[in-house]
Amino acid sequence: MADLRAEIDRIDGRLVALLAERAGYIDRAAEIKPALGLPARIDDRVEEVVEKVRVRAMAEALDPDLAEALWRRLIDWSIAREERLFPEAGDEA
């Protein structure tokens, strides 16, 4: 059991590092989108990401409904992060 737990901990560490890396790209998107007149949430992009995750989950024998639920939560968090980082409307003058 200790070996299994150590491997789970190792994978958890990798997942956290990947999520932190993803957050960095979210921050970059928050810098770019306002200049392009884009909102934080782009529904078509959300659905595109979710569909890609579902396909990948199925290919990896992971429950696609679980993957979708996790990613929708991650996407919601990411959009909220972007919105917090967007410049205030009055700052753009």
PDB file of N, CA and C in Angstrom:
ATOM      1  N   MET A   1       0.824  -1.198   0.000  1.00  0.00           N
ATOM      2  CA  MET A   1       0.000   0.000   0.000  1.00  0.00           C
ATOM      3  C   MET A   1       0.868   1.262   0.000  1.00  0.00           C
ATOM      4  N   ALA A   2       1.975   1.241   0.713  1.00  0.00           N
ATOM      5  CA  ALA A   2       2.837   2.428   0.788  1.00  0.00           C
ATOM      6  C   ALA A   2       3.362   2.808  -0.588  1.00  0.00           C
ATOM      7  N   ASP A   3       3.725   1.793  -1.392  1.00  0.00           N
ATOM      8  CA  ASP A   3       4.224   2.076  -2.749  1.00  0.00           C
ATOM      9  C   ASP A   3       3.134   2.707  -3.607  1.00  0.00           C
ATOM     10  N   LEU A   4       1.922   2.188  -3.497  1.00  0.00           N
ATOM     11  CA  LEU A   4       0.808   2.753  -4.261  1.00  0.00           C
ATOM     12  C   LEU A   4       0.543   4.195  -3.845  1.00  0.00           C
ATOM     13  N   ARG A   5       0.553   4.439  -2.552  1.00  0.00           N
ATOM     14  CA  ARG A   5       0.317   5.797  -2.059  1.00  0.00           C
ATOM     15  C   ARG A   5       1.422   6.749  -2.523  1.00  0.00           C
ATOM     16  N   ALA A   6       2.649   6.270  -2.537  1.00  0.00           N
ATOM     17  CA  ALA A   6       3.761   7.108  -3.002  1.00  0.00           C
ATOM     18  C   ALA A   6       3.578   7.471  -4.471  1.00  0.00           C
ATOM     19  N   GLU A   7       3.126   6.537  -5.276  1.00  0.00           N
ATOM     20  CA  GLU A   7       2.893   6.817  -6.699  1.00  0.00           C
ATOM     21  C   GLU A   7       1.737   7.793  -6.878  1.00  0.00           C
ATOM     22  N   ILE A   8       0.691   7.631  -6.098  1.00  0.00           N
ATOM     23  CA  ILE A   8      -0.439   8.573  -6.163  1.00  0.00           C
ATOM     24  C   ILE A   8       0.036   9.969  -5.775  1.00  0.00           C
ATOM     25  N   ASP A   9       0.841  10.057  -4.722  1.00  0.00           N
ATOM     26  CA  ASP A   9       1.384  11.354  -4.311  1.00  0.00           C
ATOM     27  C   ASP A   9       2.251  11.967  -5.407  1.00  0.00           C
ATOM     28  N   ARG A  10       3.052  11.133  -6.068  1.00  0.00           N
ATOM     29  CA  ARG A  10       3.908  11.619  -7.166  1.00  0.00           C
ATOM     30  C   ARG A  10       3.048  12.172  -8.302  1.00  0.00           C
ATOM     31  N   ILE A  11       2.012  11.448  -8.661  1.00  0.00           N
ATOM     32  CA  ILE A  11       1.118  11.897  -9.728  1.00  0.00           C
ATOM     33  C   ILE A  11       0.397  13.171  -9.312  1.00  0.00           C
ATOM     34  N   ASP A  12      -0.054  13.233  -8.061  1.00  0.00           N
ATOM     35  CA  ASP A  12      -0.711  14.450  -7.573  1.00  0.00           C
ATOM     36  C   ASP A  12       0.220  15.646  -7.705  1.00  0.00           C
ATOM     37  N   GLY A  13       1.486  15.467  -7.392  1.00  0.00           N
ATOM     38  CA  GLY A  13       2.459  16.550  -7.536  1.00  0.00           C
ATOM     39  C   GLY A  13       2.583  17.001  -8.977  1.00  0.00           C
ATOM     40  N   ARG A  14       2.609  16.069  -9.895  1.00  0.00           N
ATOM     41  CA  ARG A  14       2.668  16.415 -11.322  1.00  0.00           C
ATOM     42  C   ARG A  14       1.416  17.158 -11.757  1.00  0.00           C
ATOM     43  N   LEU A  15       0.246  16.693 -11.281  1.00  0.00           N
ATOM     44  CA  LEU A  15      -1.013  17.361 -11.636  1.00  0.00           C
ATOM     45  C   LEU A  15      -1.030  18.803 -11.133  1.00  0.00           C
ATOM     46  N   VAL A  16      -0.568  19.015  -9.901  1.00  0.00           N
ATOM     47  CA  VAL A  16      -0.538  20.376  -9.354  1.00  0.00           C
ATOM     48  C   VAL A  16       0.401  21.247 -10.177  1.00  0.00           C
ATOM     49  N   ALA A  17       1.559  20.720 -10.546  1.00  0.00           N
ATOM     50  CA  ALA A  17       2.499  21.490 -11.364  1.00  0.00           C
ATOM     51  C   ALA A  17       1.886  21.833 -12.719  1.00  0.00           C
ATOM     52  N   LEU A  18       1.187  20.902 -13.325  1.00  0.00           N
ATOM     53  CA  LEU A  18       0.536  21.159 -14.613  1.00  0.00           C
ATOM     54  C   LEU A  18      -0.590  22.186 -14.479  1.00  0.00           C
ATOM     55  N   LEU A  19      -1.349  22.109 -13.395  1.00  0.00           N
ATOM     56  CA  LEU A  19      -2.408  23.094 -13.175  1.00  0.00           C
ATOM     57  C   LEU A  19      -1.817  24.489 -12.970  1.00  0.00           C
ATOM     58  N   ALA A  20      -0.703  24.561 -12.263  1.00  0.00           N
ATOM     59  CA  ALA A  20      -0.037  25.854 -12.079  1.00  0.00           C
ATOM     60  C   ALA A  20       0.468  26.390 -13.419  1.00  0.00           C
ATOM     61  N   GLU A  21       0.999  25.526 -14.253  1.00  0.00           N
ATOM     62  CA  GLU A  21       1.443  25.938 -15.590  1.00  0.00           C
ATOM     63  C   GLU A  21       0.260  26.432 -16.412  1.00  0.00           C
ATOM     64  N   ARG A  22      -0.852  25.718 -16.336  1.00  0.00           N
ATOM     65  CA  ARG A  22      -2.066  26.128 -17.055  1.00  0.00           C
ATOM     66  C   ARG A  22      -2.532  27.495 -16.577  1.00  0.00           C
ATOM     67  N   ALA A  23      -2.465  27.736 -15.265  1.00  0.00           N
ATOM     68  CA  ALA A  23      -2.874  29.031 -14.711  1.00  0.00           C
ATOM     69  C   ALA A  23      -2.022  30.158 -15.273  1.00  0.00           C
ATOM     70  N   GLY A  24      -0.759  29.899 -15.522  1.00  0.00           N
ATOM     71  CA  GLY A  24       0.101  30.913 -16.141  1.00  0.00           C
ATOM     72  C   GLY A  24      -0.394  31.298 -17.522  1.00  0.00           C
ATOM     73  N   TYR A  25      -0.860  30.334 -18.279  1.00  0.00           N
ATOM     74  CA  TYR A  25      -1.410  30.633 -19.601  1.00  0.00           C
ATOM     75  C   TYR A  25      -2.743  31.371 -19.493  1.00  0.00           C
ATOM     76  N   ILE A  26      -3.509  31.065 -18.464  1.00  0.00           N
ATOM     77  CA  ILE A  26      -4.751  31.792 -18.217  1.00  0.00           C
ATOM     78  C   ILE A  26      -4.437  33.259 -17.948  1.00  0.00           C
ATOM     79  N   ASP A  27      -3.397  33.495 -17.148  1.00  0.00           N
ATOM     80  CA  ASP A  27      -2.986  34.874 -16.862  1.00  0.00           C
ATOM     81  C   ASP A  27      -2.585  35.602 -18.139  1.00  0.00           C
ATOM     82  N   ARG A  28      -1.885  34.910 -19.014  1.00  0.00           N
ATOM     83  CA  ARG A  28      -1.472  35.522 -20.292  1.00  0.00           C
ATOM     84  C   ARG A  28      -2.701  35.831 -21.150  1.00  0.00           C
ATOM     85  N   ALA A  29      -3.668  34.932 -21.178  1.00  0.00           N
ATOM     86  CA  ALA A  29      -4.901  35.180 -21.933  1.00  0.00           C
ATOM     87  C   ALA A  29      -5.611  36.415 -21.385  1.00  0.00           C
ATOM     88  N   ALA A  30      -5.582  36.580 -20.063  1.00  0.00           N
ATOM     89  CA  ALA A  30      -6.231  37.742 -19.446  1.00  0.00           C
ATOM     90  C   ALA A  30      -5.550  39.047 -19.843  1.00  0.00           C
ATOM     91  N   GLU A  31      -4.277  38.992 -20.178  1.00  0.00           N
ATOM     92  CA  GLU A  31      -3.565  40.169 -20.661  1.00  0.00           C
ATOM     93  C   GLU A  31      -3.922  40.487 -22.115  1.00  0.00           C
ATOM     94  N   ILE A  32      -4.143  39.458 -22.909  1.00  0.00           N
ATOM     95  CA  ILE A  32      -4.342  39.614 -24.351  1.00  0.00           C
ATOM     96  C   ILE A  32      -5.799  39.882 -24.729  1.00  0.00           C
ATOM     97  N   LYS A  33      -6.735  39.191 -24.103  1.00  0.00           N
ATOM     98  CA  LYS A  33      -8.139  39.268 -24.514  1.00  0.00           C
ATOM     99  C   LYS A  33      -8.723  40.679 -24.519  1.00  0.00           C
ATOM    100  N   PRO A  34      -8.491  41.497 -23.496  1.00  0.00           N
ATOM    101  CA  PRO A  34      -9.102  42.834 -23.518  1.00  0.00           C
ATOM    102  C   PRO A  34      -8.682  43.658 -24.743  1.00  0.00           C
ATOM    103  N   ALA A  35      -7.430  43.569 -25.124  1.00  0.00           N
ATOM    104  CA  ALA A  35      -6.950  44.324 -26.289  1.00  0.00           C
ATOM    105  C   ALA A  35      -7.604  43.839 -27.578  1.00  0.00           C
ATOM    106  N   LEU A  36      -8.026  42.599 -27.585  1.00  0.00           N
ATOM    107  CA  LEU A  36      -8.698  42.031 -28.756  1.00  0.00           C
ATOM    108  C   LEU A  36     -10.207  42.174 -28.683  1.00  0.00           C
ATOM    109  N   GLY A  37     -10.684  42.772 -27.578  1.00  0.00           N
ATOM    110  CA  GLY A  37     -12.124  42.935 -27.400  1.00  0.00           C
ATOM    111  C   GLY A  37     -12.836  41.637 -27.087  1.00  0.00           C
ATOM    112  N   LEU A  38     -12.111  40.673 -26.532  1.00  0.00           N
ATOM    113  CA  LEU A  38     -12.697  39.374 -26.221  1.00  0.00           C
ATOM    114  C   LEU A  38     -13.073  39.292 -24.751  1.00  0.00           C
ATOM    115  N   PRO A  39     -14.187  38.640 -24.453  1.00  0.00           N
ATOM    116  CA  PRO A  39     -14.568  38.437 -23.052  1.00  0.00           C
ATOM    117  C   PRO A  39     -13.775  37.278 -22.461  1.00  0.00           C
ATOM    118  N   ALA A  40     -13.827  37.162 -21.153  1.00  0.00           N
ATOM    119  CA  ALA A  40     -13.160  36.036 -20.488  1.00  0.00           C
ATOM    120  C   ALA A  40     -13.807  34.718 -20.919  1.00  0.00           C
ATOM    121  N   ARG A  41     -15.127  34.673 -20.928  1.00  0.00           N
ATOM    122  CA  ARG A  41     -15.844  33.446 -21.323  1.00  0.00           C
ATOM    123  C   ARG A  41     -16.215  33.520 -22.795  1.00  0.00           C
ATOM    124  N   ILE A  42     -15.750  32.541 -23.537  1.00  0.00           N
ATOM    125  CA  ILE A  42     -16.128  32.373 -24.936  1.00  0.00           C
ATOM    126  C   ILE A  42     -16.760  30.987 -25.022  1.00  0.00           C
ATOM    127  N   ASP A  43     -18.081  30.962 -25.063  1.00  0.00           N
ATOM    128  CA  ASP A  43     -18.815  29.702 -24.943  1.00  0.00           C
ATOM    129  C   ASP A  43     -18.394  28.651 -25.964  1.00  0.00           C
ATOM    130  N   ASP A  44     -18.165  29.052 -27.209  1.00  0.00           N
ATOM    131  CA  ASP A  44     -17.744  28.077 -28.219  1.00  0.00           C
ATOM    132  C   ASP A  44     -16.421  27.427 -27.831  1.00  0.00           C
ATOM    133  N   ARG A  45     -15.501  28.220 -27.291  1.00  0.00           N
ATOM    134  CA  ARG A  45     -14.203  27.685 -26.861  1.00  0.00           C
ATOM    135  C   ARG A  45     -14.378  26.748 -25.662  1.00  0.00           C
ATOM    136  N   VAL A  46     -15.249  27.107 -24.737  1.00  0.00           N
ATOM    137  CA  VAL A  46     -15.507  26.237 -23.585  1.00  0.00           C
ATOM    138  C   VAL A  46     -15.960  24.868 -24.070  1.00  0.00           C
ATOM    139  N   GLU A  47     -16.911  24.854 -24.987  1.00  0.00           N
ATOM    140  CA  GLU A  47     -17.439  23.576 -25.473  1.00  0.00           C
ATOM    141  C   GLU A  47     -16.388  22.809 -26.275  1.00  0.00           C
ATOM    142  N   GLU A  48     -15.548  23.511 -27.006  1.00  0.00           N
ATOM    143  CA  GLU A  48     -14.464  22.867 -27.751  1.00  0.00           C
ATOM    144  C   GLU A  48     -13.497  22.174 -26.781  1.00  0.00           C
ATOM    145  N   VAL A  49     -13.121  22.855 -25.712  1.00  0.00           N
ATOM    146  CA  VAL A  49     -12.210  22.285 -24.719  1.00  0.00           C
ATOM    147  C   VAL A  49     -12.852  21.068 -24.065  1.00  0.00           C
ATOM    148  N   VAL A  50     -14.104  21.186 -23.670  1.00  0.00           N
ATOM    149  CA  VAL A  50     -14.795  20.076 -23.014  1.00  0.00           C
ATOM    150  C   VAL A  50     -14.877  18.871 -23.945  1.00  0.00           C
ATOM    151  N   GLU A  51     -15.184  19.086 -25.189  1.00  0.00           N
ATOM    152  CA  GLU A  51     -15.276  17.965 -26.127  1.00  0.00           C
ATOM    153  C   GLU A  51     -13.920  17.284 -26.299  1.00  0.00           C
ATOM    154  N   LYS A  52     -12.855  18.059 -26.406  1.00  0.00           N
ATOM    155  CA  LYS A  52     -11.509  17.471 -26.515  1.00  0.00           C
ATOM    156  C   LYS A  52     -11.170  16.653 -25.273  1.00  0.00           C
ATOM    157  N   VAL A  53     -11.544  17.151 -24.107  1.00  0.00           N
ATOM    158  CA  VAL A  53     -11.272  16.437 -22.863  1.00  0.00           C
ATOM    159  C   VAL A  53     -12.068  15.136 -22.816  1.00  0.00           C
ATOM    160  N   ARG A  54     -13.310  15.173 -23.241  1.00  0.00           N
ATOM    161  CA  ARG A  54     -14.124  13.955 -23.242  1.00  0.00           C
ATOM    162  C   ARG A  54     -13.512  12.899 -24.172  1.00  0.00           C
ATOM    163  N   VAL A  55     -13.088  13.309 -25.351  1.00  0.00           N
ATOM    164  CA  VAL A  55     -12.482  12.372 -26.308  1.00  0.00           C
ATOM    165  C   VAL A  55     -11.208  11.777 -25.721  1.00  0.00           C
ATOM    166  N   ARG A  56     -10.373  12.637 -25.139  1.00  0.00           N
ATOM    167  CA  ARG A  56      -9.121  12.157 -24.540  1.00  0.00           C
ATOM    168  C   ARG A  56      -9.407  11.219 -23.368  1.00  0.00           C
ATOM    169  N   ALA A  57     -10.394  11.552 -22.564  1.00  0.00           N
ATOM    170  CA  ALA A  57     -10.748  10.689 -21.432  1.00  0.00           C
ATOM    171  C   ALA A  57     -11.168   9.310 -21.922  1.00  0.00           C
ATOM    172  N   MET A  58     -11.994   9.267 -22.946  1.00  0.00           N
ATOM    173  CA  MET A  58     -12.429   7.972 -23.485  1.00  0.00           C
ATOM    174  C   MET A  58     -11.235   7.177 -24.006  1.00  0.00           C
ATOM    175  N   ALA A  59     -10.293   7.862 -24.671  1.00  0.00           N
ATOM    176  CA  ALA A  59      -9.102   7.191 -25.197  1.00  0.00           C
ATOM    177  C   ALA A  59      -8.228   6.640 -24.070  1.00  0.00           C
ATOM    178  N   GLU A  60      -8.292   7.264 -22.913  1.00  0.00           N
ATOM    179  CA  GLU A  60      -7.482   6.853 -21.758  1.00  0.00           C
ATOM    180  C   GLU A  60      -8.261   5.960 -20.787  1.00  0.00           C
ATOM    181  N   ALA A  61      -9.467   5.532 -21.194  1.00  0.00           N
ATOM    182  CA  ALA A  61     -10.324   4.682 -20.358  1.00  0.00           C
ATOM    183  C   ALA A  61     -10.696   5.358 -19.032  1.00  0.00           C
ATOM    184  N   LEU A  62     -10.902   6.675 -19.100  1.00  0.00           N
ATOM    185  CA  LEU A  62     -11.363   7.448 -17.950  1.00  0.00           C
ATOM    186  C   LEU A  62     -12.805   7.840 -18.215  1.00  0.00           C
ATOM    187  N   ASP A  63     -13.620   7.828 -17.192  1.00  0.00           N
ATOM    188  CA  ASP A  63     -15.026   8.197 -17.324  1.00  0.00           C
ATOM    189  C   ASP A  63     -15.123   9.611 -17.912  1.00  0.00           C
ATOM    190  N   PRO A  64     -15.670   9.759 -19.118  1.00  0.00           N
ATOM    191  CA  PRO A  64     -15.745  11.087 -19.743  1.00  0.00           C
ATOM    192  C   PRO A  64     -16.645  12.054 -18.991  1.00  0.00           C
ATOM    193  N   ASP A  65     -17.660  11.533 -18.284  1.00  0.00           N
ATOM    194  CA  ASP A  65     -18.520  12.416 -17.492  1.00  0.00           C
ATOM    195  C   ASP A  65     -17.737  13.011 -16.320  1.00  0.00           C
ATOM    196  N   LEU A  66     -16.891  12.202 -15.701  1.00  0.00           N
ATOM    197  CA  LEU A  66     -16.036  12.696 -14.623  1.00  0.00           C
ATOM    198  C   LEU A  66     -15.069  13.752 -15.157  1.00  0.00           C
ATOM    199  N   ALA A  67     -14.421  13.446 -16.275  1.00  0.00           N
ATOM    200  CA  ALA A  67     -13.478  14.398 -16.866  1.00  0.00           C
ATOM    201  C   ALA A  67     -14.178  15.703 -17.211  1.00  0.00           C
ATOM    202  N   GLU A  68     -15.363  15.608 -17.791  1.00  0.00           N
ATOM    203  CA  GLU A  68     -16.107  16.826 -18.138  1.00  0.00           C
ATOM    204  C   GLU A  68     -16.428  17.644 -16.897  1.00  0.00           C
ATOM    205  N   ALA A  69     -16.901  16.985 -15.853  1.00  0.00           N
ATOM    206  CA  ALA A  69     -17.253  17.704 -14.625  1.00  0.00           C
ATOM    207  C   ALA A  69     -16.028  18.407 -14.042  1.00  0.00           C
ATOM    208  N   LEU A  70     -14.903  17.713 -14.022  1.00  0.00           N
ATOM    209  CA  LEU A  70     -13.675  18.324 -13.513  1.00  0.00           C
ATOM    210  C   LEU A  70     -13.259  19.520 -14.364  1.00  0.00           C
ATOM    211  N   TRP A  71     -13.318  19.347 -15.676  1.00  0.00           N
ATOM    212  CA  TRP A  71     -12.879  20.433 -16.559  1.00  0.00           C
ATOM    213  C   TRP A  71     -13.835  21.612 -16.545  1.00  0.00           C
ATOM    214  N   ARG A  72     -15.117  21.356 -16.424  1.00  0.00           N
ATOM    215  CA  ARG A  72     -16.040  22.494 -16.338  1.00  0.00           C
ATOM    216  C   ARG A  72     -15.758  23.312 -15.075  1.00  0.00           C
ATOM    217  N   ARG A  73     -15.431  22.646 -13.994  1.00  0.00           N
ATOM    218  CA  ARG A  73     -15.063  23.368 -12.763  1.00  0.00           C
ATOM    219  C   ARG A  73     -13.758  24.143 -12.977  1.00  0.00           C
ATOM    220  N   LEU A  74     -12.782  23.495 -13.620  1.00  0.00           N
ATOM    221  CA  LEU A  74     -11.505  24.145 -13.913  1.00  0.00           C
ATOM    222  C   LEU A  74     -11.703  25.343 -14.835  1.00  0.00           C
ATOM    223  N   ILE A  75     -12.539  25.189 -15.829  1.00  0.00           N
ATOM    224  CA  ILE A  75     -12.820  26.289 -16.757  1.00  0.00           C
ATOM    225  C   ILE A  75     -13.505  27.440 -16.039  1.00  0.00           C
ATOM    226  N   ASP A  76     -14.485  27.140 -15.199  1.00  0.00           N
ATOM    227  CA  ASP A  76     -15.155  28.203 -14.442  1.00  0.00           C
ATOM    228  C   ASP A  76     -14.157  28.961 -13.574  1.00  0.00           C
ATOM    229  N   TRP A  77     -13.273  28.224 -12.911  1.00  0.00           N
ATOM    230  CA  TRP A  77     -12.237  28.858 -12.079  1.00  0.00           C
ATOM    231  C   TRP A  77     -11.323  29.725 -12.944  1.00  0.00           C
ATOM    232  N   SER A  78     -10.950  29.203 -14.112  1.00  0.00           N
ATOM    233  CA  SER A  78     -10.052  29.929 -15.014  1.00  0.00           C
ATOM    234  C   SER A  78     -10.687  31.225 -15.515  1.00  0.00           C
ATOM    235  N   ILE A  79     -11.960  31.161 -15.855  1.00  0.00           N
ATOM    236  CA  ILE A  79     -12.666  32.350 -16.339  1.00  0.00           C
ATOM    237  C   ILE A  79     -12.776  33.383 -15.220  1.00  0.00           C
ATOM    238  N   ALA A  80     -13.091  32.937 -14.022  1.00  0.00           N
ATOM    239  CA  ALA A  80     -13.155  33.866 -12.885  1.00  0.00           C
ATOM    240  C   ALA A  80     -11.789  34.504 -12.649  1.00  0.00           C
ATOM    241  N   ARG A  81     -10.728  33.743 -12.791  1.00  0.00           N
ATOM    242  CA  ARG A  81      -9.367  34.274 -12.642  1.00  0.00           C
ATOM    243  C   ARG A  81      -9.102  35.336 -13.706  1.00  0.00           C
ATOM    244  N   GLU A  82      -9.441  35.027 -14.960  1.00  0.00           N
ATOM    245  CA  GLU A  82      -9.263  36.007 -16.037  1.00  0.00           C
ATOM    246  C   GLU A  82     -10.017  37.291 -15.727  1.00  0.00           C
ATOM    247  N   GLU A  83     -11.263  37.154 -15.326  1.00  0.00           N
ATOM    248  CA  GLU A  83     -12.078  38.341 -15.053  1.00  0.00           C
ATOM    249  C   GLU A  83     -11.471  39.198 -13.954  1.00  0.00           C
ATOM    250  N   ARG A  84     -10.892  38.570 -12.941  1.00  0.00           N
ATOM    251  CA  ARG A  84     -10.223  39.329 -11.877  1.00  0.00           C
ATOM    252  C   ARG A  84      -9.002  40.070 -12.407  1.00  0.00           C
ATOM    253  N   LEU A  85      -8.339  39.498 -13.401  1.00  0.00           N
ATOM    254  CA  LEU A  85      -7.113  40.091 -13.936  1.00  0.00           C
ATOM    255  C   LEU A  85      -7.372  41.109 -15.040  1.00  0.00           C
ATOM    256  N   PHE A  86      -8.590  41.095 -15.623  1.00  0.00           N
ATOM    257  CA  PHE A  86      -8.911  42.072 -16.673  1.00  0.00           C
ATOM    258  C   PHE A  86      -8.764  43.478 -16.103  1.00  0.00           C
ATOM    259  N   PRO A  87      -8.257  44.411 -16.908  1.00  0.00           N
ATOM    260  CA  PRO A  87      -8.190  45.788 -16.435  1.00  0.00           C
ATOM    261  C   PRO A  87      -9.590  46.330 -16.144  1.00  0.00           C
ATOM    262  N   GLU A  88      -9.680  47.180 -15.153  1.00  0.00           N
ATOM    263  CA  GLU A  88     -10.952  47.811 -14.845  1.00  0.00           C
ATOM    264  C   GLU A  88     -11.383  48.646 -16.049  1.00  0.00           C
ATOM    265  N   ALA A  89     -12.680  48.707 -16.296  1.00  0.00           N
ATOM    266  CA  ALA A  89     -13.202  49.447 -17.454  1.00  0.00           C
ATOM    267  C   ALA A  89     -12.729  50.897 -17.438  1.00  0.00           C
ATOM    268  N   GLY A  90     -12.663  51.503 -16.269  1.00  0.00           N
ATOM    269  CA  GLY A  90     -12.240  52.894 -16.181  1.00  0.00           C
ATOM    270  C   GLY A  90     -10.753  53.089 -16.391  1.00  0.00           C
ATOM    271  N   ASP A  91      -9.957  52.011 -16.281  1.00  0.00           N
ATOM    272  CA  ASP A  91      -8.512  52.106 -16.442  1.00  0.00           C
ATOM    273  C   ASP A  91      -8.078  52.181 -17.891  1.00  0.00           C
ATOM    274  N   GLU A  92      -8.972  51.859 -18.809  1.00  0.00           N
ATOM    275  CA  GLU A  92      -8.598  51.784 -20.216  1.00  0.00           C
ATOM    276  C   GLU A  92      -8.611  53.147 -20.892  1.00  0.00           C
ATOM    277  N   ALA A  93      -9.093  54.182 -20.246  1.00  0.00           N
ATOM    278  CA  ALA A  93      -9.211  55.505 -20.855  1.00  0.00           C
ATOM    279  C   ALA A  93      -7.874  56.143 -21.085  1.00  0.00           C
TER     280      ALA A  93
END
